[in-house]
Amino acid sequence: MESLDLRDFAPIELPRFLKIRQNFNRHKIEKKDIPSVVGQQMEPYMENLAGKRIAVGVGSRGVANIAAITRAVIDNLKKAGASPFIIPAMGSHGGATPEGQSEVLDGYGINEKTMGCPINASMEVEKLGDVEPGYPVYVAKSALEADGIVIVPRVKPHTCFRGPIESGICKMLVIGLGKRIGADSVHSHGFITFSKYIPLIGQMIAAKTKVLFAVGIIENAFEDTYKIEVVPKDEIVSLEREKKMLEEARALMGRLMFDKFDVLIMDEIGKDVSGDGQDGNVTGLFIPKFMHGGPEFQESTVLDVTPESHGNANGVGLVDVTTRKLFDKIDYKSMYTNVFTSTEIKSAKIPMVASTSEDAIRMVVKMCNGVAPKQQKIVWIKNTLELTELVISEPLLAEAEKNPQIEILTKAKELTFVAGEPQKNLL
């Protein structure tokens, strides 16, 4: 595949760049303390579990300390005399195959050896009933056959719908444990219906199955574990605890402290970063047309896809330019399975492909209208999870200096490239 050769065009000058630090709430649970925190939270719910097979649902997102948290859940269930096993609760992710879903978990350090229990990655489901006439609900057969169900979800704002319940407990019950068929059933109604049906179906599943509790996780803006909170069956059904957890998560989440600029550069996207490859709550790059919010800018580029995403470059279609490096890593079957199930294909469309990262950056800068050369206001992040230290262009310096939550870490310097890759470490 051939791309533009920028040597055929007039030189595209770049502004100078500098590093800054955005300061957010830093409270976190230390990794060494996770077993005791999980144990304290689970203790009130450990009665009458001896001899019972407990399915533990674990998802596909890049949740901080997920292996340590899951292992602590497994250990506490064993301590109570139960026989736990893990179920990938990730809908159609991992190519919607048992092998693919097991591989996703293994990438997070979750496998039979590290967890000390079996993993049942079967994609079989059974119909639980209809939430409304003609709207079937499906749940993993392996979960329904267990004596109890525990899930380990992260609660956070979603990127494709708004409501009092978004990503978290109900969504893992509905889409995660629904496997490909259940996820497809829900997505076929469109994201615009999620604010109604995710909590409604979540309540139905919690009430009609052997769900015991959820080990809910809230993260801070630094992608650290901020809180671990067990939500029992009756409180899952009432929804009130999850609503409060979502409000807390929203207040804590990272953001860009610039409301308006010209160019957004992302080093990487990935399914371990966000379901859409990047979090639209941070960037303003949303899949559904009805979503809104985030900063305003003219052009955007993403330079790579994370290794943990296993070639699923879902989200690349939301930017204007990408790189040959990312393009060559795409696993189209995995990416297309994901977006086909969600019925939102925009995020899998291929934008302009630049030969190198340098060309991608210069291309989006060139396509900014109404801005003088070297005066483009540029925000450059690694990904939408890591928003503490980032790079901005010099025209944003004055605005950054006025913000008490921002520290200036370096002086502005010219950006250098080696073999088409930016050397940000020189800033």
Protein backbone atom coordinates (compact mmCIF):
# COMPACT_ATOMS: atom_id res chain seq x y z
CA MET A 1 0.00 0.00 0.00
CA GLU A 2 1.34 3.40 -1.01
CA SER A 3 0.61 6.60 0.90
CA LEU A 4 1.34 10.27 0.36
CA ASP A 5 4.98 11.23 -0.02
CA LEU A 6 5.14 14.52 1.83
CA ARG A 7 8.30 15.44 -0.05
CA ASP A 8 5.98 16.19 -2.97
CA PHE A 9 4.37 19.00 -0.95
CA ALA A 10 5.53 22.23 0.62
CA PRO A 11 7.32 21.71 3.97
CA ILE A 12 4.91 21.36 6.91
CA GLU A 13 6.34 23.13 9.94
CA LEU A 14 5.51 22.03 13.48
CA PRO A 15 5.31 24.14 16.63
CA ARG A 16 7.62 23.43 19.53
CA PHE A 17 6.50 21.01 22.24
CA LEU A 18 6.77 20.66 26.02
CA LYS A 19 5.69 18.21 28.72
CA ILE A 20 3.13 19.00 31.39
CA ARG A 21 1.56 17.19 34.32
CA GLN A 22 -2.19 17.24 35.04
CA ASN A 23 -2.88 16.70 38.73
CA PHE A 24 -5.84 14.56 39.85
CA ASN A 25 -6.91 12.79 43.05
CA ARG A 26 -4.10 10.33 43.83
CA HIS A 27 -5.74 8.13 46.47
CA LYS A 28 -5.41 4.43 45.64
CA ILE A 29 -5.42 0.96 47.15
CA GLU A 30 -1.89 -0.42 47.13
CA LYS A 31 -1.51 -3.76 45.38
CA LYS A 32 -0.20 -5.40 48.55
CA ASP A 33 -3.40 -4.39 50.35
CA ILE A 34 -5.79 -5.82 47.76
CA PRO A 35 -6.16 -9.30 49.36
CA SER A 36 -7.13 -7.82 52.73
CA VAL A 37 -9.51 -5.24 51.22
CA VAL A 38 -11.24 -7.87 49.09
CA GLY A 39 -11.39 -10.22 52.08
CA GLN A 40 -12.99 -7.59 54.31
CA GLN A 41 -15.56 -6.73 51.64
CA MET A 42 -16.46 -10.36 50.91
CA GLU A 43 -16.56 -11.59 54.52
CA PRO A 44 -20.26 -10.80 55.19
CA TYR A 45 -21.29 -12.87 52.16
CA MET A 46 -19.25 -16.05 52.70
CA GLU A 47 -21.86 -18.15 54.49
CA ASN A 48 -23.28 -21.40 53.11
CA LEU A 49 -20.81 -21.70 50.23
CA ALA A 50 -19.11 -24.95 51.25
CA GLY A 51 -19.11 -27.49 48.43
CA LYS A 52 -20.71 -25.12 45.94
CA ARG A 53 -19.42 -24.43 42.41
CA ILE A 54 -19.15 -20.66 41.97
CA ALA A 55 -18.75 -19.05 38.56
CA VAL A 56 -16.60 -15.91 38.67
CA GLY A 57 -17.14 -13.58 35.70
CA VAL A 58 -14.12 -11.53 34.61
CA GLY A 59 -14.16 -9.05 31.72
CA SER A 60 -11.92 -7.96 28.88
CA ARG A 61 -11.06 -4.39 29.84
CA GLY A 62 -7.66 -3.23 31.02
CA VAL A 63 -8.64 -3.00 34.67
CA ALA A 64 -5.85 -2.11 37.10
CA ASN A 65 -4.78 -5.00 39.33
CA ILE A 66 -7.44 -7.26 37.80
CA ALA A 67 -5.33 -10.39 38.27
CA ALA A 68 -4.66 -9.59 41.93
CA ILE A 69 -8.32 -8.74 42.58
CA THR A 70 -9.56 -11.87 40.82
CA ARG A 71 -7.08 -14.07 42.68
CA ALA A 72 -8.23 -12.56 45.98
CA VAL A 73 -11.87 -13.31 45.07
CA ILE A 74 -10.96 -16.91 44.18
CA ASP A 75 -8.94 -17.38 47.38
CA ASN A 76 -11.78 -16.09 49.57
CA LEU A 77 -14.30 -18.36 47.88
CA LYS A 78 -11.97 -21.32 48.45
CA LYS A 79 -11.52 -20.31 52.07
CA ALA A 80 -15.29 -20.52 52.45
CA GLY A 81 -15.20 -24.08 51.10
CA ALA A 82 -16.46 -23.27 47.59
CA SER A 83 -15.09 -24.56 44.29
CA PRO A 84 -14.72 -21.47 42.08
CA PHE A 85 -14.08 -21.37 38.34
CA ILE A 86 -13.63 -18.38 36.03
CA ILE A 87 -15.89 -17.42 33.13
CA PRO A 88 -14.76 -14.81 30.57
CA ALA A 89 -17.57 -12.23 30.83
CA MET A 90 -16.81 -10.24 27.71
CA GLY A 91 -19.63 -10.68 25.22
CA SER A 92 -18.15 -11.09 21.73
CA HIS A 93 -14.61 -9.96 22.52
CA GLY A 94 -11.66 -12.21 21.75
CA GLY A 95 -13.13 -12.98 18.35
CA ALA A 96 -16.15 -14.56 20.07
CA THR A 97 -14.32 -17.87 20.50
CA PRO A 98 -13.38 -19.81 23.67
CA GLU A 99 -9.72 -19.71 22.66
CA GLY A 100 -9.80 -15.99 21.94
CA GLN A 101 -11.51 -15.11 25.22
CA SER A 102 -9.08 -17.27 27.20
CA GLU A 103 -6.22 -15.53 25.41
CA VAL A 104 -7.57 -12.12 26.41
CA LEU A 105 -7.68 -13.16 30.07
CA ASP A 106 -4.22 -14.69 29.85
CA GLY A 107 -2.93 -11.35 28.60
CA TYR A 108 -4.01 -9.90 31.94
CA GLY A 109 -2.26 -12.64 33.88
CA ILE A 110 -5.47 -14.60 34.46
CA ASN A 111 -5.13 -18.29 33.67
CA GLU A 112 -5.64 -21.59 35.47
CA LYS A 113 -2.10 -21.58 36.87
CA THR A 114 -2.07 -18.03 38.24
CA MET A 115 -5.62 -18.19 39.58
CA GLY A 116 -5.47 -21.71 40.96
CA CYS A 117 -8.83 -22.69 39.49
CA PRO A 118 -10.33 -23.85 36.18
CA ILE A 119 -11.45 -21.49 33.39
CA ASN A 120 -14.59 -22.35 31.44
CA ALA A 121 -14.59 -20.25 28.28
CA SER A 122 -17.55 -21.93 26.59
CA MET A 123 -19.62 -19.60 24.42
CA GLU A 124 -22.85 -21.58 24.97
CA VAL A 125 -25.82 -19.61 26.27
CA GLU A 126 -29.37 -20.34 27.36
CA LYS A 127 -32.40 -18.12 27.03
CA LEU A 128 -33.42 -16.79 30.43
CA GLY A 129 -36.68 -15.29 29.22
CA ASP A 130 -37.93 -12.11 27.60
CA VAL A 131 -37.47 -8.74 29.25
CA GLU A 132 -40.26 -7.52 26.98
CA PRO A 133 -42.25 -9.37 24.31
CA GLY A 134 -39.85 -10.19 21.48
CA TYR A 135 -36.74 -9.12 23.45
CA PRO A 136 -34.95 -12.32 24.56
CA VAL A 137 -32.29 -12.38 27.27
CA TYR A 138 -29.40 -14.85 27.17
CA VAL A 139 -26.93 -15.91 29.86
CA ALA A 140 -23.85 -18.14 29.67
CA LYS A 141 -24.83 -21.76 30.23
CA SER A 142 -21.75 -22.28 32.39
CA ALA A 143 -22.95 -19.54 34.75
CA LEU A 144 -26.50 -20.86 34.92
CA GLU A 145 -25.25 -24.37 35.76
CA ALA A 146 -23.16 -23.10 38.68
CA ASP A 147 -24.40 -22.98 42.27
CA GLY A 148 -23.63 -19.28 42.44
CA ILE A 149 -22.40 -16.40 40.28
CA VAL A 150 -19.94 -13.67 41.24
CA ILE A 151 -18.78 -10.96 38.82
CA VAL A 152 -15.79 -8.60 38.98
CA PRO A 153 -16.75 -5.45 37.01
CA ARG A 154 -15.26 -1.98 36.87
CA VAL A 155 -17.83 0.80 37.23
CA LYS A 156 -17.23 3.81 34.98
CA PRO A 157 -18.91 6.13 32.47
CA HIS A 158 -19.65 4.48 29.13
CA THR A 159 -18.51 5.85 25.79
CA CYS A 160 -21.69 5.16 23.82
CA PHE A 161 -24.65 5.98 26.05
CA ARG A 162 -25.67 8.10 29.04
CA GLY A 163 -27.82 7.09 31.99
CA PRO A 164 -27.82 6.52 35.76
CA ILE A 165 -26.34 3.06 35.03
CA GLU A 166 -23.58 2.78 32.42
CA SER A 167 -20.50 0.51 32.42
CA GLY A 168 -20.35 -1.76 35.41
CA ILE A 169 -22.37 -4.40 37.22
CA CYS A 170 -25.50 -4.53 35.07
CA LYS A 171 -23.59 -4.25 31.81
CA MET A 172 -21.35 -7.21 32.72
CA LEU A 173 -24.41 -9.29 33.61
CA VAL A 174 -26.22 -8.34 30.41
CA ILE A 175 -23.49 -8.22 27.76
CA GLY A 176 -20.51 -9.88 29.44
CA LEU A 177 -22.32 -13.02 30.57
CA GLY A 178 -24.53 -12.90 27.47
CA LYS A 179 -21.55 -13.98 25.35
CA ARG A 180 -21.81 -13.29 21.61
CA ILE A 181 -25.50 -14.15 21.26
CA GLY A 182 -26.56 -12.10 24.26
CA ALA A 183 -24.37 -9.18 23.26
CA ASP A 184 -25.76 -9.31 19.73
CA SER A 185 -29.34 -9.36 21.04
CA VAL A 186 -28.83 -6.20 23.08
CA HIS A 187 -26.77 -4.34 20.48
CA SER A 188 -29.34 -5.04 17.76
CA HIS A 189 -31.59 -2.47 19.45
CA GLY A 190 -28.89 0.21 19.25
CA PHE A 191 -26.92 2.14 21.87
CA ILE A 192 -29.71 4.68 22.14
CA THR A 193 -31.74 2.04 24.03
CA PHE A 194 -28.97 1.03 26.45
CA SER A 195 -29.89 3.51 29.17
CA LYS A 196 -33.23 1.73 29.48
CA TYR A 197 -32.37 -1.90 28.84
CA ILE A 198 -28.97 -2.37 30.51
CA PRO A 199 -30.37 -1.72 34.01
CA LEU A 200 -33.70 -3.41 33.23
CA ILE A 201 -32.11 -6.62 31.95
CA GLY A 202 -29.42 -6.47 34.64
CA GLN A 203 -32.12 -6.47 37.29
CA MET A 204 -33.82 -9.40 35.58
CA ILE A 205 -30.64 -11.49 35.42
CA ALA A 206 -29.67 -10.71 39.02
CA ALA A 207 -33.16 -11.60 40.27
CA LYS A 208 -33.73 -14.77 38.22
CA THR A 209 -30.29 -16.41 38.46
CA LYS A 210 -27.99 -17.48 41.28
CA VAL A 211 -26.05 -14.20 41.34
CA LEU A 212 -24.50 -13.79 44.80
CA PHE A 213 -22.73 -10.44 44.54
CA ALA A 214 -20.50 -8.23 42.42
CA VAL A 215 -17.00 -7.17 43.42
CA GLY A 216 -17.22 -3.66 41.99
CA ILE A 217 -14.09 -1.66 41.18
CA ILE A 218 -13.68 2.11 40.86
CA GLU A 219 -10.47 3.57 39.45
CA ASN A 220 -8.96 7.02 39.79
CA ALA A 221 -7.62 9.20 36.99
CA PHE A 222 -4.23 7.45 37.20
CA GLU A 223 -5.70 4.04 36.27
CA ASP A 224 -5.13 2.88 39.85
CA THR A 225 -7.57 0.95 42.02
CA TYR A 226 -9.41 3.59 44.05
CA LYS A 227 -12.12 1.50 45.69
CA ILE A 228 -13.28 -2.13 45.84
CA GLU A 229 -16.85 -2.57 46.96
CA VAL A 230 -18.95 -5.73 47.19
CA VAL A 231 -22.55 -5.21 46.06
CA PRO A 232 -24.89 -8.05 47.11
CA LYS A 233 -27.71 -9.45 44.98
CA ASP A 234 -30.52 -7.37 46.48
CA GLU A 235 -28.59 -4.13 45.99
CA ILE A 236 -27.74 -5.07 42.40
CA VAL A 237 -31.48 -5.40 41.79
CA SER A 238 -32.27 -2.07 43.47
CA LEU A 239 -29.59 -0.31 41.32
CA GLU A 240 -28.94 2.37 43.97
CA ARG A 241 -25.39 1.28 44.89
CA GLU A 242 -24.29 1.11 41.28
CA LYS A 243 -25.74 4.56 40.60
CA LYS A 244 -23.67 6.03 43.45
CA MET A 245 -20.55 4.18 42.30
CA LEU A 246 -20.97 5.59 38.77
CA GLU A 247 -21.28 9.13 40.12
CA GLU A 248 -18.09 8.64 42.13
CA ALA A 249 -16.24 7.15 39.16
CA ARG A 250 -17.32 10.04 36.92
CA ALA A 251 -15.99 12.61 39.39
CA LEU A 252 -12.64 10.80 39.58
CA MET A 253 -11.98 10.08 35.92
CA GLY A 254 -9.14 11.65 34.03
CA ARG A 255 -9.78 14.37 31.48
CA LEU A 256 -7.98 16.81 29.24
CA MET A 257 -7.74 20.19 30.91
CA PHE A 258 -8.03 22.01 27.59
CA ASP A 259 -11.51 22.62 26.22
CA LYS A 260 -10.55 23.77 22.73
CA PHE A 261 -7.45 23.20 20.59
CA ASP A 262 -6.53 22.23 17.03
CA VAL A 263 -5.05 18.71 16.96
CA LEU A 264 -5.28 15.61 19.15
CA ILE A 265 -2.50 13.03 18.86
CA MET A 266 -2.83 9.62 20.54
CA ASP A 267 0.13 7.27 20.67
CA GLU A 268 -2.15 4.25 20.88
CA ILE A 269 -5.67 2.86 21.04
CA GLY A 270 -6.69 -0.56 22.31
CA LYS A 271 -9.48 -2.71 23.71
CA ASP A 272 -7.56 -2.77 26.99
CA VAL A 273 -7.81 1.03 27.03
CA SER A 274 -11.51 1.32 26.22
CA GLY A 275 -14.26 -0.58 24.44
CA ASP A 276 -13.96 1.96 21.63
CA GLY A 277 -10.17 1.86 21.63
CA GLN A 278 -10.18 5.26 23.29
CA ASP A 279 -12.55 6.86 25.78
CA GLY A 280 -14.81 9.41 24.14
CA ASN A 281 -15.51 10.89 27.57
CA VAL A 282 -11.89 12.08 27.42
CA THR A 283 -11.50 12.92 23.73
CA GLY A 284 -15.01 13.76 22.57
CA LEU A 285 -14.62 11.12 19.83
CA PHE A 286 -17.85 9.15 20.17
CA ILE A 287 -19.33 6.46 17.95
CA PRO A 288 -23.08 7.19 18.28
CA LYS A 289 -24.20 10.47 16.75
CA PHE A 290 -26.34 11.32 19.78
CA MET A 291 -23.34 11.39 22.16
CA HIS A 292 -21.69 14.69 23.00
CA GLY A 293 -19.17 16.25 25.34
CA GLY A 294 -15.38 16.42 25.59
CA PRO A 295 -12.97 18.91 24.03
CA GLU A 296 -13.30 20.54 20.61
CA PHE A 297 -10.56 20.20 17.96
CA GLN A 298 -10.18 20.04 14.18
CA GLU A 299 -8.08 16.97 13.42
CA SER A 300 -6.86 13.82 15.17
CA THR A 301 -4.46 10.93 14.63
CA VAL A 302 -3.58 7.66 16.34
CA LEU A 303 -0.16 6.14 15.80
CA ASP A 304 -0.41 2.55 17.07
CA VAL A 305 -2.57 -0.16 18.66
CA THR A 306 -1.68 -1.78 22.00
CA PRO A 307 -0.24 -5.33 22.03
CA GLU A 308 -2.94 -6.31 24.55
CA SER A 309 -5.60 -5.50 21.95
CA HIS A 310 -4.42 -8.45 19.82
CA GLY A 311 -5.00 -6.56 16.57
CA ASN A 312 -8.49 -5.33 17.43
CA ALA A 313 -8.11 -1.71 16.32
CA ASN A 314 -11.70 -0.79 17.08
CA GLY A 315 -11.72 3.01 17.32
CA VAL A 316 -9.33 3.72 14.47
CA GLY A 317 -12.25 4.92 12.38
CA LEU A 318 -12.90 7.80 14.77
CA VAL A 319 -9.67 9.62 13.86
CA ASP A 320 -8.65 11.37 10.65
CA VAL A 321 -5.21 9.84 10.03
CA THR A 322 -3.43 6.71 11.21
CA THR A 323 -0.13 4.99 10.41
CA ARG A 324 1.03 2.06 8.34
CA LYS A 325 2.41 0.65 11.60
CA LEU A 326 -1.11 0.40 13.06
CA PHE A 327 -2.71 -0.63 9.75
CA ASP A 328 -0.41 -3.64 9.41
CA LYS A 329 -1.32 -4.92 12.90
CA ILE A 330 -5.10 -5.02 12.40
CA ASP A 331 -6.82 -8.36 12.93
CA TYR A 332 -9.85 -7.69 10.79
CA LYS A 333 -11.82 -10.73 11.94
CA SER A 334 -11.50 -9.70 15.58
CA MET A 335 -12.26 -6.03 14.88
CA TYR A 336 -15.16 -6.76 12.54
CA THR A 337 -16.70 -9.31 14.91
CA ASN A 338 -16.65 -6.65 17.61
CA VAL A 339 -18.28 -3.87 15.57
CA PHE A 340 -20.67 -6.20 13.73
CA THR A 341 -21.99 -7.37 17.09
CA SER A 342 -22.33 -3.79 18.34
CA THR A 343 -23.99 -2.73 15.02
CA GLU A 344 -21.85 0.44 15.09
CA ILE A 345 -19.29 0.05 12.28
CA LYS A 346 -17.98 3.61 12.17
CA SER A 347 -15.12 2.82 14.55
CA ALA A 348 -13.73 0.10 12.24
CA LYS A 349 -13.50 2.26 9.12
CA ILE A 350 -9.97 2.97 7.93
CA PRO A 351 -8.90 6.65 7.89
CA MET A 352 -6.06 8.08 5.81
CA VAL A 353 -2.97 5.93 6.33
CA ALA A 354 0.39 7.69 6.61
CA SER A 355 3.67 5.92 5.94
CA THR A 356 5.15 6.93 9.31
CA SER A 357 4.18 8.56 12.57
CA GLU A 358 5.99 11.70 11.49
CA ASP A 359 3.92 11.88 8.31
CA ALA A 360 0.68 11.31 10.27
CA ILE A 361 1.49 14.19 12.60
CA ARG A 362 2.45 16.55 9.80
CA MET A 363 -0.66 15.60 7.82
CA VAL A 364 -3.12 16.46 10.60
CA VAL A 365 -1.25 19.69 11.27
CA LYS A 366 -1.41 20.61 7.57
CA MET A 367 -5.17 19.96 7.46
CA CYS A 368 -5.94 22.42 10.28
CA ASN A 369 -7.75 25.34 8.70
CA GLY A 370 -7.37 28.97 9.71
CA VAL A 371 -4.25 28.49 11.84
CA ALA A 372 -0.90 30.13 11.06
CA PRO A 373 2.15 27.87 10.62
CA LYS A 374 3.71 26.69 13.91
CA GLN A 375 0.74 28.11 15.84
CA GLN A 376 -1.31 24.92 16.02
CA LYS A 377 -2.55 24.09 19.52
CA ILE A 378 -1.79 20.40 19.92
CA VAL A 379 -2.55 17.98 22.76
CA TRP A 380 -0.59 14.73 22.64
CA ILE A 381 -1.44 11.79 24.91
CA LYS A 382 -0.24 8.20 25.20
CA ASN A 383 -3.81 6.88 25.49
CA THR A 384 -7.02 7.90 27.24
CA LEU A 385 -6.13 6.01 30.42
CA GLU A 386 -2.79 7.73 30.99
CA LEU A 387 -3.55 11.42 31.31
CA THR A 388 -1.11 12.59 33.97
CA GLU A 389 1.95 13.48 31.93
CA LEU A 390 1.32 14.55 28.37
CA VAL A 391 2.76 16.77 25.67
CA ILE A 392 1.34 20.04 24.40
CA SER A 393 2.49 22.47 21.75
CA GLU A 394 3.90 25.86 22.74
CA PRO A 395 0.79 27.84 21.67
CA LEU A 396 -1.06 26.16 24.60
CA LEU A 397 1.58 27.15 27.16
CA ALA A 398 -0.08 30.37 28.32
CA GLU A 399 -3.36 28.54 28.99
CA ALA A 400 -1.53 25.76 30.86
CA GLU A 401 0.31 28.27 33.05
CA LYS A 402 -2.99 29.75 34.22
CA ASN A 403 -4.37 26.38 35.40
CA PRO A 404 -3.46 25.57 39.04
CA GLN A 405 -3.91 21.83 38.33
CA ILE A 406 -1.21 21.84 35.64
CA GLU A 407 2.57 21.75 36.18
CA ILE A 408 4.98 22.70 33.41
CA LEU A 409 7.69 20.01 33.34
CA THR A 410 9.98 21.08 30.48
CA LYS A 411 10.81 24.03 28.30
CA ALA A 412 9.48 24.11 24.75
CA LYS A 413 11.75 22.38 22.22
CA GLU A 414 11.75 21.38 18.60
CA LEU A 415 10.44 17.85 18.03
CA THR A 416 12.89 15.43 16.44
CA PHE A 417 12.20 12.22 14.53
CA VAL A 418 14.26 9.08 14.01
CA ALA A 419 13.22 6.81 11.15
CA GLY A 420 9.82 8.52 11.13
CA GLU A 421 9.17 8.05 14.87
CA PRO A 422 8.93 11.03 17.24
CA GLN A 423 11.48 11.33 20.02
CA LYS A 424 9.28 12.69 22.78
CA ASN A 425 11.78 11.57 25.41
CA LEU A 426 13.98 14.49 24.32
CA LEU A 427 11.43 17.05 25.53
